[in-house]
Amino acid sequence: MNNIKLTKKVKKQWLEALRSGKYKQGKDSLIKETNDGFSYCCLGVLQAITGLEVDNSGLLTDKKAANTCVKGLSLMEQGKLATFNDDDKSFDWIANWIDKNITPLI
């Protein structure tokens, strides 16, 4: 499994991707194939832009290390983001929340 750090650069790319309109928002899966392409959870967008792999848990984690594979993004934060996404918060709303509440490592 790949590991990344949630640096200022990665956070900026993630926020830009969420706000870009390029990714169709979906629920209950990080990335799901649909009849007209793919739909994404906000964490699926992070996966798409970084090339992260996901295990069967559906979270961006490394179970062997019992740690998140996105250094700087806790499992609790991932859970909040997944809940926001599945509770119909828009990608723009989620991007604003990330911008205000998640501090990059560098």
C-alpha atoms as a PDB file:
ATOM      1  CA  MET A   1       0.000   0.000   0.000  1.00  0.00           C
ATOM      2  CA  ASN A   2       1.244   3.452  -0.854  1.00  0.00           C
ATOM      3  CA  ASN A   3       1.688   6.105   1.814  1.00  0.00           C
ATOM      4  CA  ILE A   4       1.480   9.848   1.328  1.00  0.00           C
ATOM      5  CA  LYS A   5       1.795  12.871   3.565  1.00  0.00           C
ATOM      6  CA  LEU A   6      -0.987  15.416   3.633  1.00  0.00           C
ATOM      7  CA  THR A   7       1.347  18.279   2.806  1.00  0.00           C
ATOM      8  CA  LYS A   8       0.217  21.780   1.872  1.00  0.00           C
ATOM      9  CA  LYS A   9       0.660  20.800  -1.781  1.00  0.00           C
ATOM     10  CA  VAL A  10      -1.463  17.628  -1.507  1.00  0.00           C
ATOM     11  CA  LYS A  11      -4.140  19.461   0.487  1.00  0.00           C
ATOM     12  CA  LYS A  12      -4.251  22.230  -2.127  1.00  0.00           C
ATOM     13  CA  GLN A  13      -4.552  19.686  -4.955  1.00  0.00           C
ATOM     14  CA  TRP A  14      -7.332  17.864  -3.073  1.00  0.00           C
ATOM     15  CA  LEU A  15      -9.295  21.062  -2.433  1.00  0.00           C
ATOM     16  CA  GLU A  16      -8.897  22.114  -6.074  1.00  0.00           C
ATOM     17  CA  ALA A  17     -10.079  18.684  -7.247  1.00  0.00           C
ATOM     18  CA  LEU A  18     -13.118  18.770  -4.942  1.00  0.00           C
ATOM     19  CA  ARG A  19     -14.068  22.230  -6.208  1.00  0.00           C
ATOM     20  CA  SER A  20     -13.262  21.555  -9.872  1.00  0.00           C
ATOM     21  CA  GLY A  21     -16.525  19.923 -10.928  1.00  0.00           C
ATOM     22  CA  LYS A  22     -14.475  17.160 -12.571  1.00  0.00           C
ATOM     23  CA  TYR A  23     -15.553  14.530 -10.031  1.00  0.00           C
ATOM     24  CA  LYS A  24     -19.193  13.412  -9.764  1.00  0.00           C
ATOM     25  CA  GLN A  25     -20.117  12.988  -6.104  1.00  0.00           C
ATOM     26  CA  GLY A  26     -21.412   9.603  -4.966  1.00  0.00           C
ATOM     27  CA  LYS A  27     -22.178   7.795  -1.709  1.00  0.00           C
ATOM     28  CA  ASP A  28     -21.283   4.597   0.131  1.00  0.00           C
ATOM     29  CA  SER A  29     -18.077   3.907  -1.795  1.00  0.00           C
ATOM     30  CA  LEU A  30     -14.793   5.708  -2.371  1.00  0.00           C
ATOM     31  CA  ILE A  31     -15.093   5.264  -6.124  1.00  0.00           C
ATOM     32  CA  LYS A  32     -18.005   3.574  -7.839  1.00  0.00           C
ATOM     33  CA  GLU A  33     -18.498   2.785 -11.505  1.00  0.00           C
ATOM     34  CA  THR A  34     -21.832   4.089 -12.778  1.00  0.00           C
ATOM     35  CA  ASN A  35     -23.614   4.006 -16.140  1.00  0.00           C
ATOM     36  CA  ASP A  36     -22.120   7.372 -17.042  1.00  0.00           C
ATOM     37  CA  GLY A  37     -18.585   7.001 -15.661  1.00  0.00           C
ATOM     38  CA  PHE A  38     -17.547   7.065 -12.029  1.00  0.00           C
ATOM     39  CA  SER A  39     -18.811   8.682  -8.835  1.00  0.00           C
ATOM     40  CA  TYR A  40     -16.562   9.590  -5.910  1.00  0.00           C
ATOM     41  CA  CYS A  41     -16.663  10.099  -2.173  1.00  0.00           C
ATOM     42  CA  CYS A  42     -14.539  13.063  -1.075  1.00  0.00           C
ATOM     43  CA  LEU A  43     -11.931  10.524   0.091  1.00  0.00           C
ATOM     44  CA  GLY A  44     -12.180   8.786  -3.288  1.00  0.00           C
ATOM     45  CA  VAL A  45     -11.126  12.062  -4.882  1.00  0.00           C
ATOM     46  CA  LEU A  46      -8.035  12.050  -2.643  1.00  0.00           C
ATOM     47  CA  GLN A  47      -7.393   8.462  -3.695  1.00  0.00           C
ATOM     48  CA  ALA A  48      -7.771   9.365  -7.373  1.00  0.00           C
ATOM     49  CA  ILE A  49      -5.372  12.304  -7.311  1.00  0.00           C
ATOM     50  CA  THR A  50      -2.707  10.517  -5.226  1.00  0.00           C
ATOM     51  CA  GLY A  51      -2.953   6.961  -6.554  1.00  0.00           C
ATOM     52  CA  LEU A  52      -3.529   5.505  -3.088  1.00  0.00           C
ATOM     53  CA  GLU A  53      -4.707   1.924  -2.743  1.00  0.00           C
ATOM     54  CA  VAL A  54      -7.602   0.977  -0.496  1.00  0.00           C
ATOM     55  CA  ASP A  55      -8.157  -2.234   1.443  1.00  0.00           C
ATOM     56  CA  ASN A  56     -11.496  -3.963   2.099  1.00  0.00           C
ATOM     57  CA  SER A  57     -12.313  -1.665   5.020  1.00  0.00           C
ATOM     58  CA  GLY A  58     -12.993   1.174   2.605  1.00  0.00           C
ATOM     59  CA  LEU A  59     -10.682   3.535   4.493  1.00  0.00           C
ATOM     60  CA  LEU A  60      -7.327   4.763   3.329  1.00  0.00           C
ATOM     61  CA  THR A  61      -5.443   2.723   5.918  1.00  0.00           C
ATOM     62  CA  ASP A  62      -2.623   0.300   6.370  1.00  0.00           C
ATOM     63  CA  LYS A  63      -4.007  -2.357   8.735  1.00  0.00           C
ATOM     64  CA  LYS A  64      -0.607  -3.974   9.260  1.00  0.00           C
ATOM     65  CA  ALA A  65       0.739  -0.713  10.627  1.00  0.00           C
ATOM     66  CA  ALA A  66      -2.563   0.104  12.383  1.00  0.00           C
ATOM     67  CA  ASN A  67      -2.126   3.566  11.005  1.00  0.00           C
ATOM     68  CA  THR A  68      -3.569   5.797   8.358  1.00  0.00           C
ATOM     69  CA  CYS A  69      -1.659   5.712   5.090  1.00  0.00           C
ATOM     70  CA  VAL A  70      -2.384   9.428   4.719  1.00  0.00           C
ATOM     71  CA  LYS A  71      -0.040  10.910   7.278  1.00  0.00           C
ATOM     72  CA  GLY A  72      -1.803  13.948   8.700  1.00  0.00           C
ATOM     73  CA  LEU A  73      -5.358  12.670   8.160  1.00  0.00           C
ATOM     74  CA  SER A  74      -6.595  10.616  11.107  1.00  0.00           C
ATOM     75  CA  LEU A  75      -9.094   7.782  10.944  1.00  0.00           C
ATOM     76  CA  MET A  76     -11.500   9.992  12.919  1.00  0.00           C
ATOM     77  CA  GLU A  77     -11.161  12.755  10.330  1.00  0.00           C
ATOM     78  CA  GLN A  78     -11.681  10.234   7.536  1.00  0.00           C
ATOM     79  CA  GLY A  79     -14.831   9.051   9.317  1.00  0.00           C
ATOM     80  CA  LYS A  80     -16.148  12.610   9.611  1.00  0.00           C
ATOM     81  CA  LEU A  81     -15.463  13.276   5.948  1.00  0.00           C
ATOM     82  CA  ALA A  82     -17.183  10.058   4.859  1.00  0.00           C
ATOM     83  CA  THR A  83     -20.207  10.974   7.004  1.00  0.00           C
ATOM     84  CA  PHE A  84     -20.353  14.504   5.577  1.00  0.00           C
ATOM     85  CA  ASN A  85     -20.170  13.044   2.080  1.00  0.00           C
ATOM     86  CA  ASP A  86     -22.877  10.422   2.660  1.00  0.00           C
ATOM     87  CA  ASP A  87     -25.091  12.988   4.423  1.00  0.00           C
ATOM     88  CA  ASP A  88     -25.247  14.995   1.170  1.00  0.00           C
ATOM     89  CA  LYS A  89     -22.788  17.765   2.038  1.00  0.00           C
ATOM     90  CA  SER A  90     -21.499  19.088  -1.294  1.00  0.00           C
ATOM     91  CA  PHE A  91     -17.871  18.745  -2.358  1.00  0.00           C
ATOM     92  CA  ASP A  92     -17.614  22.531  -2.061  1.00  0.00           C
ATOM     93  CA  TRP A  93     -18.904  22.417   1.543  1.00  0.00           C
ATOM     94  CA  ILE A  94     -16.525  19.549   2.358  1.00  0.00           C
ATOM     95  CA  ALA A  95     -13.586  21.399   0.763  1.00  0.00           C
ATOM     96  CA  ASN A  96     -14.340  24.442   2.918  1.00  0.00           C
ATOM     97  CA  TRP A  97     -14.481  22.219   6.038  1.00  0.00           C
ATOM     98  CA  ILE A  98     -11.153  20.574   5.137  1.00  0.00           C
ATOM     99  CA  ASP A  99      -9.590  23.979   4.501  1.00  0.00           C
ATOM    100  CA  LYS A 100     -10.630  25.252   7.938  1.00  0.00           C
ATOM    101  CA  ASN A 101     -10.200  22.106  10.042  1.00  0.00           C
ATOM    102  CA  ILE A 102      -7.401  19.923   8.669  1.00  0.00           C
ATOM    103  CA  THR A 103      -3.872  21.202   9.067  1.00  0.00           C
ATOM    104  CA  PRO A 104      -1.313  19.858   6.590  1.00  0.00           C
ATOM    105  CA  LEU A 105       1.926  18.397   7.924  1.00  0.00           C
ATOM    106  CA  ILE A 106       4.295  20.698   6.052  1.00  0.00           C
END
